[in-house]
N, C-alpha and C. Protein backbone atom coordinates (compact mmCIF):
# COMPACT_ATOMS: atom_id res chain seq x y z
N UNK A 1 -18.32 9.83 -10.90
CA UNK A 1 -17.73 9.27 -9.62
C UNK A 1 -16.89 8.72 -11.85
N UNK A 2 -16.01 8.33 -11.42
CA UNK A 2 -15.04 7.63 -12.94
C UNK A 2 -14.91 6.37 -12.28
N UNK A 3 -15.31 5.58 -12.73
CA UNK A 3 -15.72 3.76 -12.32
C UNK A 3 -14.00 3.31 -11.83
N UNK A 4 -13.47 3.95 -13.27
CA UNK A 4 -12.23 2.88 -13.03
C UNK A 4 -11.23 3.36 -12.66
N UNK A 5 -11.39 4.83 -12.57
CA UNK A 5 -10.62 5.08 -11.42
C UNK A 5 -11.22 3.90 -9.45
N UNK A 6 -12.05 4.36 -9.02
CA UNK A 6 -12.44 3.35 -8.17
C UNK A 6 -12.76 2.64 -8.02
N UNK A 7 -12.07 1.58 -9.12
CA UNK A 7 -12.25 0.23 -9.48
C UNK A 7 -10.52 0.02 -8.95
N UNK A 8 -10.20 1.61 -9.64
CA UNK A 8 -8.28 0.87 -9.60
C UNK A 8 -8.07 1.03 -7.68
N UNK A 9 -8.25 1.96 -7.34
CA UNK A 9 -8.60 1.93 -5.93
C UNK A 9 -9.17 0.84 -4.77
N UNK A 10 -9.81 0.67 -5.41
CA UNK A 10 -10.92 -0.73 -5.27
C UNK A 10 -9.74 -2.19 -4.82
N UNK A 11 -9.35 -2.43 -6.03
CA UNK A 11 -8.61 -3.35 -6.55
C UNK A 11 -7.54 -3.62 -5.66
N UNK A 12 -7.08 -2.26 -6.03
CA UNK A 12 -5.69 -1.82 -5.07
C UNK A 12 -5.65 -2.01 -3.74
N UNK A 13 -6.04 -1.65 -2.96
CA UNK A 13 -6.43 -1.74 -1.79
C UNK A 13 -6.12 -3.15 -1.70
N UNK A 14 -7.63 -3.92 -2.42
CA UNK A 14 -7.55 -5.27 -1.28
C UNK A 14 -6.38 -6.67 -2.34
N UNK A 15 -5.29 -6.58 -2.96
CA UNK A 15 -4.39 -6.79 -3.34
C UNK A 15 -3.32 -6.99 -2.30
N UNK A 16 -3.21 -5.09 -2.14
CA UNK A 16 -2.56 -5.13 -0.84
C UNK A 16 -2.80 -5.12 -0.05
N UNK A 17 -3.84 -5.02 0.28
CA UNK A 17 -4.11 -5.62 2.03
C UNK A 17 -4.51 -6.85 2.16
N UNK A 18 -4.62 -7.66 1.18
CA UNK A 18 -4.87 -9.18 1.28
C UNK A 18 -3.67 -9.83 1.53
N UNK A 19 -2.24 -9.09 1.08
CA UNK A 19 -0.81 -9.45 1.12
C UNK A 19 -0.85 -9.47 2.66
N UNK A 20 -1.02 -8.00 2.74
CA UNK A 20 -0.62 -8.30 4.08
C UNK A 20 -1.01 -8.31 5.34
N UNK A 21 -2.86 -8.82 5.24
CA UNK A 21 -3.52 -9.02 6.23
C UNK A 21 -2.83 -10.76 6.41
N UNK A 22 -2.80 -11.43 4.99
CA UNK A 22 -2.63 -13.44 5.23
C UNK A 22 -1.24 -12.90 5.49
N UNK A 23 -0.47 -12.53 5.30
CA UNK A 23 1.19 -12.66 6.16
C UNK A 23 0.90 -12.16 7.48
N UNK A 24 -0.75 -12.17 8.40
CA UNK A 24 -0.29 -12.08 9.60
C UNK A 24 -0.85 -13.51 10.28
N UNK A 25 -2.18 -14.19 9.63
CA UNK A 25 -2.33 -15.28 9.11
C UNK A 25 -1.45 -16.73 8.62
N UNK A 26 -0.18 -16.22 7.99
CA UNK A 26 0.76 -17.58 7.61
C UNK A 26 1.19 -17.50 9.19
N UNK A 27 1.92 -16.20 10.01
CA UNK A 27 2.97 -16.73 10.60
C UNK A 27 2.35 -17.19 11.75
N UNK A 28 0.58 -17.16 11.98
CA UNK A 28 0.13 -17.84 13.08
C UNK A 28 0.24 -18.80 12.47
N UNK A 29 0.53 -19.73 11.04
CA UNK A 29 -0.22 -21.06 11.27
C UNK A 29 1.09 -21.62 11.24
N UNK A 30 2.32 -21.31 10.61
CA UNK A 30 3.21 -21.11 10.30
C UNK A 30 4.66 -22.97 11.16
N UNK A 31 4.48 -23.83 11.15
CA UNK A 31 4.53 -25.00 11.53
C UNK A 31 6.31 -25.02 12.49
N UNK A 32 6.59 -24.07 12.03
CA UNK A 32 8.36 -23.81 12.65
C UNK A 32 8.46 -22.44 13.06
N UNK A 33 9.46 -21.98 13.85
CA UNK A 33 9.56 -20.66 14.47
C UNK A 33 9.81 -19.55 12.86
N UNK A 34 8.78 -18.17 13.59
CA UNK A 34 9.11 -17.24 11.99
C UNK A 34 8.90 -15.70 12.60
N UNK A 35 10.00 -14.84 11.98
CA UNK A 35 9.63 -13.41 12.88
C UNK A 35 8.76 -12.86 12.26
N UNK A 36 7.50 -12.43 12.80
CA UNK A 36 6.52 -12.13 12.01
C UNK A 36 6.61 -9.76 11.98
N UNK A 37 7.91 -9.55 12.34
CA UNK A 37 9.09 -8.74 12.59
C UNK A 37 9.24 -8.36 11.21
N UNK A 38 10.08 -9.67 10.70
CA UNK A 38 10.74 -9.21 9.12
C UNK A 38 9.34 -10.11 8.40
N UNK A 39 8.51 -10.80 8.44
CA UNK A 39 7.68 -11.40 7.17
C UNK A 39 6.28 -10.50 7.40
N UNK A 40 5.57 -10.32 8.27
CA UNK A 40 5.01 -8.60 8.03
C UNK A 40 4.88 -6.84 7.46
N UNK A 41 6.36 -6.76 7.02
CA UNK A 41 6.78 -5.59 7.33
C UNK A 41 7.34 -5.44 6.00
N UNK A 42 7.40 -6.89 5.24
CA UNK A 42 8.17 -6.54 4.46
C UNK A 42 7.17 -7.80 3.72
N UNK A 43 5.78 -8.20 4.31
CA UNK A 43 4.16 -8.81 3.51
C UNK A 43 3.83 -7.47 2.83
N UNK A 44 3.17 -6.24 3.96
CA UNK A 44 2.81 -5.31 3.89
C UNK A 44 3.58 -4.38 2.65
N UNK A 45 4.68 -3.99 2.43
CA UNK A 45 5.60 -3.35 1.73
C UNK A 45 5.48 -3.52 0.40
N UNK A 46 5.58 -4.91 0.34
CA UNK A 46 5.99 -5.44 -1.26
C UNK A 46 4.06 -6.17 -1.32
N UNK A 47 3.56 -6.23 -0.84
CA UNK A 47 1.83 -5.80 -1.30
C UNK A 47 1.93 -4.96 -1.67
N UNK A 48 1.99 -3.80 -1.22
CA UNK A 48 2.10 -2.48 -2.02
C UNK A 48 2.76 -2.06 -3.27
N UNK A 49 4.03 -2.46 -3.40
CA UNK A 49 4.48 -2.24 -4.35
C UNK A 49 3.75 -3.15 -5.59
N UNK A 50 3.29 -4.48 -5.21
CA UNK A 50 2.42 -5.13 -6.25
C UNK A 50 1.76 -4.06 -6.83
N UNK A 51 0.95 -3.86 -4.94
CA UNK A 51 -0.76 -2.83 -6.28
C UNK A 51 -0.41 -1.64 -6.74
N UNK A 52 0.66 -1.39 -6.75
CA UNK A 52 1.38 0.30 -8.03
C UNK A 52 1.46 0.30 -8.47
N UNK A 53 2.16 -1.53 -8.80
CA UNK A 53 2.22 -1.45 -10.41
C UNK A 53 0.86 -2.36 -10.83
N UNK A 54 0.46 -2.22 -9.80
CA UNK A 54 -0.72 -2.79 -11.21
C UNK A 54 -1.54 -2.57 -11.16
N UNK A 55 -1.91 -0.84 -10.29
CA UNK A 55 -2.39 -0.50 -10.42
C UNK A 55 -3.20 0.92 -10.97
N UNK A 56 -1.78 1.96 -10.70
CA UNK A 56 -0.98 3.58 -10.78
C UNK A 56 -1.70 3.50 -11.28
N UNK A 57 -1.94 2.99 -13.20
CA UNK A 57 -2.43 3.91 -14.13
C UNK A 57 -3.67 3.92 -13.85
N UNK A 58 -4.11 3.60 -13.84
CA UNK A 58 -6.04 3.54 -13.38
C UNK A 58 -6.91 5.33 -12.13
N UNK A 59 -5.42 4.93 -11.50
CA UNK A 59 -5.61 5.84 -10.42
C UNK A 59 -4.87 6.84 -9.36
N UNK A 60 -3.97 6.63 -9.78
CA UNK A 60 -2.38 7.03 -9.60
C UNK A 60 -2.31 6.46 -8.09
N UNK A 61 -2.38 5.01 -7.66
CA UNK A 61 -2.34 4.24 -6.67
C UNK A 61 -2.19 5.32 -5.31
N UNK A 62 -2.85 5.55 -4.43
CA UNK A 62 -3.29 6.39 -3.30
C UNK A 62 -3.63 4.83 -2.33
N UNK A 63 -4.89 3.97 -2.21
CA UNK A 63 -4.75 3.10 -1.94
C UNK A 63 -4.51 3.57 0.17
N UNK A 64 -4.93 4.84 0.54
CA UNK A 64 -5.18 4.92 1.66
C UNK A 64 -5.27 5.98 2.18
N UNK A 65 -6.63 6.21 2.79
CA UNK A 65 -7.70 7.83 2.72
C UNK A 65 -6.14 8.71 3.15
N UNK A 66 -5.58 8.61 4.25
CA UNK A 66 -4.67 9.74 4.62
C UNK A 66 -3.65 9.83 3.59
N UNK A 67 -3.37 8.85 2.65
CA UNK A 67 -2.18 9.32 1.10
C UNK A 67 -3.47 10.05 -0.19
N UNK A 68 -4.89 10.49 0.30
CA UNK A 68 -6.40 11.07 -0.77
C UNK A 68 -6.23 12.28 0.79
N UNK A 69 -6.27 12.70 1.47
CA UNK A 69 -6.43 14.20 1.70
C UNK A 69 -5.70 14.37 1.39
N UNK A 70 -3.99 13.78 1.53
CA UNK A 70 -2.81 14.64 2.34
C UNK A 70 -2.62 14.89 -0.24
N UNK A 71 -3.00 14.26 -0.72
CA UNK A 71 -3.70 14.31 -2.23
C UNK A 71 -4.33 15.58 -2.69
N UNK A 72 -5.37 15.36 -1.99
CA UNK A 72 -6.47 16.69 -2.25
C UNK A 72 -5.93 17.76 -2.16
N UNK A 73 -4.92 17.76 -0.12
CA UNK A 73 -4.72 19.08 0.44
C UNK A 73 -4.00 20.29 -0.72
N UNK A 74 -2.68 19.06 -1.71
CA UNK A 74 -1.76 19.69 -2.43
C UNK A 74 -2.18 19.69 -3.99
N UNK A 75 -3.67 19.77 -3.89
CA UNK A 75 -4.58 20.22 -5.09
C UNK A 75 -4.13 19.24 -5.93
N UNK A 76 -4.10 17.98 -5.69
CA UNK A 76 -3.10 16.07 -7.20
C UNK A 76 -4.44 16.34 -7.15
N UNK A 77 -5.66 15.87 -6.43
CA UNK A 77 -6.63 15.47 -6.69
C UNK A 77 -8.42 16.19 -6.09
N UNK A 78 -9.53 15.79 -7.17
CA UNK A 78 -10.78 16.74 -6.69
C UNK A 78 -11.09 15.71 -5.31
N UNK A 79 -12.26 17.19 -4.31
CA UNK A 79 -12.59 15.92 -3.80
C UNK A 79 -13.73 15.68 -3.76
N UNK A 80 -13.93 15.53 -5.21
CA UNK A 80 -14.95 14.23 -5.37
C UNK A 80 -14.94 13.34 -5.44
N UNK A 81 -13.85 13.35 -6.49
CA UNK A 81 -12.46 11.84 -6.80
C UNK A 81 -12.32 11.51 -5.63
N UNK A 82 -11.52 12.04 -3.97
CA UNK A 82 -11.22 11.85 -3.14
C UNK A 82 -12.38 10.79 -2.20
N UNK A 83 -13.16 11.38 -2.39
CA UNK A 83 -13.90 10.93 -2.09
C UNK A 83 -14.33 9.63 -2.32
N UNK A 84 -15.18 9.12 -2.97
CA UNK A 84 -15.06 7.64 -3.85
C UNK A 84 -12.93 7.23 -3.65
N UNK A 85 -12.72 7.80 -3.66
CA UNK A 85 -11.41 6.71 -3.86
C UNK A 85 -11.15 6.60 -2.34
N UNK A 86 -12.26 7.30 -1.18
CA UNK A 86 -11.94 5.98 0.38
C UNK A 86 -12.41 5.89 0.82
N UNK A 87 -14.09 5.94 -0.16
CA UNK A 87 -15.00 4.59 0.13
C UNK A 87 -14.55 3.28 -0.61
N UNK A 88 -14.32 3.76 -1.75
CA UNK A 88 -13.51 2.49 -2.55
C UNK A 88 -12.09 1.81 -1.91
N UNK A 89 -11.60 2.20 -1.56
CA UNK A 89 -10.12 2.11 -0.55
C UNK A 89 -10.53 1.77 0.81
N UNK A 90 -11.57 1.95 2.14
CA UNK A 90 -11.72 0.72 3.07
C UNK A 90 -12.57 -0.94 2.44
N UNK A 91 -13.88 -0.23 1.02
CA UNK A 91 -14.32 -1.21 0.74
C UNK A 91 -13.39 -2.43 0.47
N UNK A 92 -12.23 -2.12 -0.49
CA UNK A 92 -10.93 -3.05 -0.40
C UNK A 92 -10.54 -3.48 0.24
N UNK A 93 -10.36 -3.54 1.35
CA UNK A 93 -9.87 -3.50 3.04
C UNK A 93 -10.55 -4.81 3.32
N UNK A 94 -12.23 -3.83 3.96
CA UNK A 94 -13.20 -4.53 4.45
C UNK A 94 -13.42 -6.48 3.60
N UNK A 95 -12.73 -5.55 2.34
CA UNK A 95 -13.11 -7.48 1.02
C UNK A 95 -11.85 -8.65 1.44
N UNK A 96 -10.86 -7.82 1.53
CA UNK A 96 -9.50 -8.34 1.59
C UNK A 96 -9.23 -9.28 3.21
N UNK A 97 -10.24 -8.41 4.67
CA UNK A 97 -10.13 -9.11 5.50
C UNK A 97 -10.99 -10.16 5.70
N UNK A 98 -12.51 -10.13 4.50
CA UNK A 98 -13.21 -11.24 4.55
C UNK A 98 -12.59 -12.74 3.89
N UNK A 99 -12.07 -12.03 2.83
CA UNK A 99 -11.15 -13.34 1.85
C UNK A 99 -10.67 -14.31 3.12
N UNK A 100 -10.04 -13.52 4.89
CA UNK A 100 -8.80 -14.45 5.33
C UNK A 100 -9.88 -15.09 5.90
N UNK A 101 -11.54 -14.49 6.17
CA UNK A 101 -11.64 -14.94 7.42
C UNK A 101 -11.97 -15.96 6.60
N UNK A 102 -12.83 -16.13 5.34
CA UNK A 102 -13.06 -16.94 5.08
C UNK A 102 -11.79 -18.18 4.40
N UNK A 103 -10.81 -18.22 4.30
CA UNK A 103 -10.01 -18.75 3.44
C UNK A 103 -9.39 -19.86 5.25
N UNK A 104 -9.15 -18.62 6.20
CA UNK A 104 -8.23 -18.98 7.31
C UNK A 104 -9.61 -19.03 8.51
N UNK A 105 -9.44 -18.22 10.23
CA UNK A 105 -10.57 -18.45 10.59
C UNK A 105 -10.30 -16.61 10.69
N UNK A 106 -11.46 -16.80 11.58
CA UNK A 106 -11.86 -15.09 12.65
C UNK A 106 -10.75 -14.93 13.37
N UNK A 107 -9.55 -15.60 14.16
CA UNK A 107 -8.00 -15.97 14.57
C UNK A 107 -7.33 -15.52 14.27
N UNK A 108 -7.53 -15.22 12.60
CA UNK A 108 -6.62 -14.88 11.47
C UNK A 108 -6.93 -13.56 11.26
N UNK A 109 -7.70 -13.25 11.27
CA UNK A 109 -8.48 -12.13 11.10
C UNK A 109 -7.71 -10.65 12.11
N UNK A 110 -8.09 -11.41 13.06
CA UNK A 110 -8.27 -10.82 14.91
C UNK A 110 -6.77 -10.33 14.69
N UNK A 111 -6.02 -11.21 14.66
CA UNK A 111 -4.34 -10.64 15.16
C UNK A 111 -3.78 -10.14 14.27
N UNK A 112 -4.34 -8.61 12.73
CA UNK A 112 -3.86 -7.96 12.57
C UNK A 112 -4.01 -7.02 12.81
N UNK A 113 -5.92 -7.30 13.71
CA UNK A 113 -6.22 -5.60 14.16
C UNK A 113 -4.63 -4.78 15.04
N UNK A 114 -4.93 -3.84 14.51
CA UNK A 114 -4.13 -2.69 15.27
C UNK A 114 -4.04 -2.20 16.64
N UNK A 115 -3.43 -1.96 16.95
CA UNK A 115 -3.80 -1.55 19.10
C UNK A 115 -2.24 -1.61 18.97
N UNK A 116 -2.18 -0.74 20.08
CA UNK A 116 -0.68 -0.34 21.53
C UNK A 116 -0.53 -1.46 21.79
N UNK A 117 0.94 -1.73 21.45
CA UNK A 117 1.76 -2.25 21.88
C UNK A 117 2.27 -3.20 23.43
N UNK A 118 1.99 -3.52 23.69
CA UNK A 118 2.11 -3.69 24.64
C UNK A 118 2.67 -2.66 25.84
N UNK A 119 2.18 -2.36 27.38
CA UNK A 119 3.20 -1.15 27.89
C UNK A 119 3.36 0.22 27.04
N UNK A 120 1.85 0.59 25.88
CA UNK A 120 1.83 1.64 25.02
C UNK A 120 0.91 1.92 25.49
N UNK A 121 0.20 3.60 25.75
CA UNK A 121 -0.72 3.83 26.03
C UNK A 121 -1.39 4.63 24.68
N UNK A 122 -2.51 4.07 24.76
CA UNK A 122 -2.82 4.94 23.58
C UNK A 122 -2.73 6.25 22.85
N UNK A 123 -2.62 7.16 23.44
CA UNK A 123 -2.66 8.32 23.66
C UNK A 123 -0.42 8.82 22.37
N UNK A 124 0.14 6.96 23.58
CA UNK A 124 1.29 7.48 22.90
C UNK A 124 1.46 6.81 21.59
N UNK A 125 0.70 5.25 20.73
CA UNK A 125 0.64 5.16 20.15
C UNK A 125 -0.80 6.01 19.20
N UNK A 126 -1.08 7.04 19.53
CA UNK A 126 -0.93 8.20 18.26
C UNK A 126 -0.97 8.71 18.22
N UNK A 127 0.93 9.35 18.74
CA UNK A 127 1.19 9.93 18.48
C UNK A 127 2.32 9.08 17.50
N UNK A 128 2.40 8.03 18.16
CA UNK A 128 3.40 7.42 17.00
C UNK A 128 2.51 7.00 15.37
N UNK A 129 1.92 6.35 15.24
CA UNK A 129 0.88 6.87 14.17
C UNK A 129 0.72 8.03 12.99
N UNK A 130 0.76 9.64 13.93
CA UNK A 130 -0.01 10.95 13.56
C UNK A 130 2.38 11.29 12.95
N UNK A 131 3.01 11.05 14.12
CA UNK A 131 4.86 10.94 13.37
C UNK A 131 4.58 10.05 12.42
N UNK A 132 4.57 9.17 12.35
CA UNK A 132 5.09 7.93 10.82
C UNK A 132 4.18 8.58 9.70
N UNK A 133 2.95 8.62 10.21
CA UNK A 133 1.35 8.94 8.60
C UNK A 133 2.38 10.56 7.63
N UNK A 134 2.69 11.50 9.01
CA UNK A 134 3.53 12.05 8.97
C UNK A 134 4.11 12.51 7.55
N UNK A 135 5.01 11.61 7.73
CA UNK A 135 6.76 11.32 6.73
C UNK A 135 6.73 10.77 5.99
N UNK A 136 5.33 9.21 6.08
CA UNK A 136 4.61 8.57 5.31
C UNK A 136 4.80 9.24 3.57
N UNK A 137 3.61 10.32 4.25
CA UNK A 137 3.04 10.89 3.38
C UNK A 137 3.81 12.56 2.37
N UNK A 138 4.70 13.11 4.12
CA UNK A 138 5.16 14.18 3.11
C UNK A 138 6.95 12.23 2.41
N UNK A 139 7.27 11.23 1.77
CA UNK A 139 7.83 10.81 1.26
C UNK A 139 7.26 10.31 0.71
N UNK A 140 5.73 10.08 0.35
CA UNK A 140 4.86 9.98 -0.81
C UNK A 140 4.91 11.46 -1.36
N UNK A 141 4.56 12.47 -1.17
CA UNK A 141 4.64 13.85 -2.17
C UNK A 141 5.38 13.70 -2.03
N UNK A 142 6.06 13.88 -1.39
CA UNK A 142 8.59 14.19 -2.70
C UNK A 142 8.02 13.40 -3.34
N UNK A 143 8.71 12.34 -3.38
CA UNK A 143 9.28 11.18 -4.21
C UNK A 143 8.09 11.46 -5.80
N UNK A 144 7.22 11.26 -5.99
CA UNK A 144 5.87 11.24 -6.65
C UNK A 144 6.69 13.15 -7.09
N UNK A 145 6.94 13.52 -7.00
CA UNK A 145 7.03 15.02 -7.22
C UNK A 145 8.25 15.54 -7.88
N UNK A 146 9.41 15.46 -7.13
CA UNK A 146 10.48 15.18 -7.74
C UNK A 146 10.62 14.72 -8.72
N UNK A 147 11.21 12.73 -8.06
CA UNK A 147 11.70 11.69 -8.60
C UNK A 147 10.78 10.78 -9.10
N UNK A 148 9.32 10.77 -9.65
CA UNK A 148 7.95 9.91 -9.92
C UNK A 148 8.94 8.78 -10.09
N UNK A 149 9.71 8.56 -11.10
CA UNK A 149 10.38 7.26 -11.56
C UNK A 149 10.51 6.27 -10.74
N UNK A 150 10.78 5.99 -9.13
CA UNK A 150 11.60 5.96 -8.44
C UNK A 150 10.78 6.26 -7.11
N UNK A 151 8.90 5.97 -7.61
CA UNK A 151 8.30 6.23 -6.27
C UNK A 151 7.58 4.94 -5.85
N UNK A 152 8.08 4.44 -6.73
CA UNK A 152 6.79 2.73 -7.06
C UNK A 152 8.15 2.15 -6.38
N UNK A 153 8.70 2.03 -6.04
CA UNK A 153 10.26 1.63 -4.89
C UNK A 153 10.61 2.04 -3.77
N UNK A 154 10.06 3.57 -3.59
CA UNK A 154 10.90 3.88 -1.97
C UNK A 154 9.53 3.86 -1.70
N UNK A 155 8.45 4.52 -1.89
CA UNK A 155 7.56 4.99 -0.89
C UNK A 155 7.04 3.19 -0.62
N UNK A 156 7.18 1.67 -1.21
CA UNK A 156 7.16 0.60 -0.72
C UNK A 156 7.77 0.24 0.90
N UNK A 157 8.80 0.75 0.04
CA UNK A 157 9.74 0.42 1.61
C UNK A 157 10.23 1.46 2.65
N UNK A 158 9.90 2.72 2.08
CA UNK A 158 9.12 3.29 3.38
C UNK A 158 8.45 2.80 4.51
N UNK A 159 7.16 1.98 3.76
CA UNK A 159 6.58 1.46 4.19
C UNK A 159 7.61 0.26 5.25
N UNK A 160 7.67 -0.40 4.75
CA UNK A 160 8.53 -2.07 5.38
C UNK A 160 9.50 -0.91 6.87
N UNK A 161 9.81 -0.08 6.74
CA UNK A 161 10.65 0.71 7.73
C UNK A 161 9.75 1.10 8.75
N UNK A 162 8.54 1.86 8.38
CA UNK A 162 7.68 2.70 9.71
C UNK A 162 7.57 1.17 10.09
N UNK A 163 7.16 -0.21 9.00
CA UNK A 163 6.62 -1.32 10.45
C UNK A 163 7.57 -1.83 11.32
N UNK A 164 8.35 -2.08 10.60
CA UNK A 164 9.92 -2.05 10.93
C UNK A 164 10.10 -1.18 12.69
N UNK A 165 9.79 0.23 12.45
CA UNK A 165 9.74 0.68 13.66
C UNK A 165 8.91 0.93 14.85
N UNK A 166 7.10 -0.16 13.88
CA UNK A 166 6.58 1.42 15.12
C UNK A 166 5.56 -0.11 15.15
N UNK A 167 5.60 -1.33 14.49
CA UNK A 167 4.41 -2.50 14.87
C UNK A 167 4.51 -2.98 16.17
N UNK A 168 5.59 -3.18 17.41
CA UNK A 168 5.54 -3.14 18.37
C UNK A 168 4.67 -2.47 19.01
N UNK A 169 4.78 -1.62 18.40
CA UNK A 169 4.77 -0.07 19.14
C UNK A 169 2.87 0.32 19.70
N UNK A 170 2.56 0.90 18.11
CA UNK A 170 1.45 1.66 17.32
C UNK A 170 0.68 0.83 16.56
N UNK A 171 1.04 -0.52 15.82
CA UNK A 171 0.56 -1.45 14.52
C UNK A 171 1.02 -0.77 13.91
N UNK A 172 1.68 -0.04 13.65
CA UNK A 172 2.55 0.29 12.09
C UNK A 172 1.08 0.37 11.54
N UNK A 173 0.02 0.98 11.25
CA UNK A 173 -1.30 1.63 10.78
C UNK A 173 -0.88 2.39 10.00
N UNK A 174 -0.37 3.31 10.13
CA UNK A 174 -0.58 4.80 8.93
C UNK A 174 -1.71 4.82 8.24
N UNK A 175 -2.76 3.67 8.36
CA UNK A 175 -4.10 3.54 6.51
C UNK A 175 -5.05 3.64 7.26
N UNK A 176 -5.71 4.57 7.32
CA UNK A 176 -7.53 4.63 8.51
C UNK A 176 -8.21 3.12 7.09
N UNK A 177 -7.57 2.75 6.41
CA UNK A 177 -8.90 1.63 5.52
C UNK A 177 -8.23 0.60 5.95
N UNK A 178 -6.50 0.28 6.40
CA UNK A 178 -5.72 -0.74 6.93
C UNK A 178 -6.37 -1.32 8.21
N UNK A 179 -6.67 0.33 9.25
CA UNK A 179 -7.24 -1.24 10.38
C UNK A 179 -9.05 -1.24 10.45
N UNK A 180 -9.31 -0.21 10.37
CA UNK A 180 -10.93 -0.33 9.17
C UNK A 180 -11.57 -1.84 9.03
N UNK A 181 -10.71 -2.57 7.88
CA UNK A 181 -10.81 -3.73 7.59
C UNK A 181 -10.19 -4.53 8.12
N UNK A 182 -9.30 -4.94 9.29
CA UNK A 182 -9.77 -6.12 9.97
C UNK A 182 -10.01 -5.94 11.93
N UNK A 183 -10.49 -4.93 11.62
CA UNK A 183 -10.84 -4.41 13.32
C UNK A 183 -12.22 -4.46 12.60
N UNK A 184 -12.78 -3.54 12.27
CA UNK A 184 -14.20 -4.54 11.31
C UNK A 184 -14.88 -5.97 11.17
N UNK A 185 -13.73 -6.45 10.47
CA UNK A 185 -14.16 -7.76 10.44
C UNK A 185 -14.01 -8.53 11.53
N UNK A 186 -12.09 -8.48 12.07
CA UNK A 186 -11.98 -9.11 13.78
C UNK A 186 -12.77 -8.64 14.62
N UNK A 187 -13.94 -7.41 14.05
CA UNK A 187 -14.66 -7.20 15.30
C UNK A 187 -14.69 -6.45 17.46
N UNK A 188 -13.13 -5.91 16.97
CA UNK A 188 -12.98 -5.19 18.24
C UNK A 188 -12.64 -4.00 17.33
N UNK A 189 -13.79 -2.97 16.66
CA UNK A 189 -13.97 -0.93 16.56
C UNK A 189 -13.25 -0.57 18.40
N UNK A 190 -12.67 -1.07 19.38
CA UNK A 190 -12.04 -0.09 19.84
C UNK A 190 -11.58 1.21 20.46
N UNK A 191 -9.77 0.69 19.53
CA UNK A 191 -9.25 1.37 19.42
C UNK A 191 -9.20 1.71 17.77
N UNK A 192 -9.91 1.52 17.02
CA UNK A 192 -10.10 1.95 15.88
C UNK A 192 -9.85 3.99 15.48
N UNK A 193 -10.21 4.75 17.17
CA UNK A 193 -10.17 5.97 16.79
C UNK A 193 -9.02 6.14 16.60
N UNK A 194 -7.34 5.05 17.66
CA UNK A 194 -6.62 5.99 16.77
C UNK A 194 -6.40 5.45 15.20
N UNK A 195 -6.38 4.82 14.82
CA UNK A 195 -6.01 4.68 13.76
C UNK A 195 -6.36 4.96 12.46
N UNK A 196 -8.11 6.05 13.85
CA UNK A 196 -8.39 7.23 12.12
C UNK A 196 -7.72 9.00 12.38
N UNK A 197 -8.24 8.97 13.50
CA UNK A 197 -7.04 9.84 13.57
C UNK A 197 -5.84 10.31 13.73
N UNK A 198 -4.87 9.43 13.78
CA UNK A 198 -3.66 9.48 13.99
C UNK A 198 -3.40 9.67 12.13
N UNK A 199 -3.27 9.23 11.91
CA UNK A 199 -3.20 9.44 10.30
C UNK A 199 -3.91 10.43 9.59
N UNK A 200 -5.12 10.72 9.54
CA UNK A 200 -5.43 12.10 9.15
C UNK A 200 -4.43 13.40 9.40
N UNK A 201 -5.02 13.40 10.64
CA UNK A 201 -4.03 14.80 11.25
C UNK A 201 -1.96 14.83 10.73
N UNK A 202 -1.68 13.06 10.94
CA UNK A 202 -0.65 13.05 10.62
C UNK A 202 -0.12 13.28 8.29
N UNK A 203 -1.60 13.09 7.96
CA UNK A 203 -1.62 13.62 6.53
C UNK A 203 -1.92 15.25 6.04
N UNK A 204 -2.14 15.48 7.48
CA UNK A 204 -1.97 17.13 7.25
C UNK A 204 -0.35 17.30 7.71
N UNK A 205 -0.28 17.07 8.65
CA UNK A 205 1.52 17.37 9.02
C UNK A 205 2.22 17.35 7.97
N UNK A 206 1.90 16.49 7.24
CA UNK A 206 2.26 15.48 5.91
C UNK A 206 3.41 16.99 5.13
N UNK A 207 1.72 17.27 4.33
CA UNK A 207 1.42 18.43 3.33
C UNK A 207 1.71 19.35 4.00
N UNK A 208 2.09 19.45 4.61
CA UNK A 208 1.88 21.70 5.76
C UNK A 208 3.26 21.38 5.55
N UNK A 209 4.73 19.88 5.46
CA UNK A 209 5.98 20.00 5.58
C UNK A 209 6.36 20.09 4.69
N UNK A 210 5.28 19.72 3.32
CA UNK A 210 6.24 18.83 2.47
C UNK A 210 5.51 20.59 1.72
N UNK A 211 4.82 21.05 1.88
CA UNK A 211 4.78 22.87 1.10
C UNK A 211 5.77 23.57 1.95
N UNK A 212 6.03 23.78 3.01
CA UNK A 212 6.75 24.70 3.46
C UNK A 212 8.03 24.32 3.10
N UNK A 213 8.85 23.28 2.22
CA UNK A 213 9.65 22.93 1.69
C UNK A 213 10.45 22.88 0.74
N UNK A 214 8.79 23.27 -0.09
CA UNK A 214 8.48 23.21 -1.55
C UNK A 214 8.19 24.06 -2.19
N UNK A 215 7.73 24.97 -0.79
CA UNK A 215 7.74 26.33 -1.57
C UNK A 215 9.08 27.74 -0.89
N UNK A 216 9.68 27.42 -0.18
CA UNK A 216 10.71 27.32 0.17
C UNK A 216 12.52 26.92 -1.07
N UNK A 217 12.22 25.47 -1.67
CA UNK A 217 12.34 26.00 -2.35
C UNK A 217 12.53 26.00 -3.24
N UNK A 218 11.32 26.67 -4.17
CA UNK A 218 10.62 27.93 -4.93
C UNK A 218 10.74 28.90 -5.65
N UNK A 219 11.74 29.44 -3.87
CA UNK A 219 11.44 31.19 -3.49
C UNK A 219 13.39 31.17 -2.72
N UNK A 220 13.89 30.49 -3.57
CA UNK A 220 15.78 30.45 -3.54
C UNK A 220 16.35 30.58 -4.28
């Protein structure tokens, strides 16, 4: 086990999720009308940007089990490292949710639990999470290989776009660790299966599209 890599994934996910989770609590605590559709997406996106710049040199900045799965499939990460990464990512997200619980309250954590929106079925939410994660992973795999210097900007902005598109529909998780943290500490695991299955299947699909396009360019 590489403890430096594990620490980078844990601390990076903790920073990323702390900013995102607290933004949900901030909406509830705001004394003036505030649009969560602006605050929360940018908080998660900018939180990811901060985590990337702080810890990418230590682990490559996955902060998401779905991304780690895709990196294993693309042979950029070993299975042993991946197992360590995923444990660290979940631990970081849970720690972030506990922090929100301690400094705010249970309601603030519960408000951040990812769940299908009003009128959206579980299956629809599953499809949305799968497709959104596939797109997210495709962007990550492509930009980190083709124009790595732009990755710290492109990846967070993609996450912001995904939040704008899916937050009120599926909860905009695209990250099992993100959903586990708020669901576990928030005390509601009833919908967690959506946010485990969807992102992992999406990661595989995103990698398959990346591989198809990458192999196609290589043979052209």
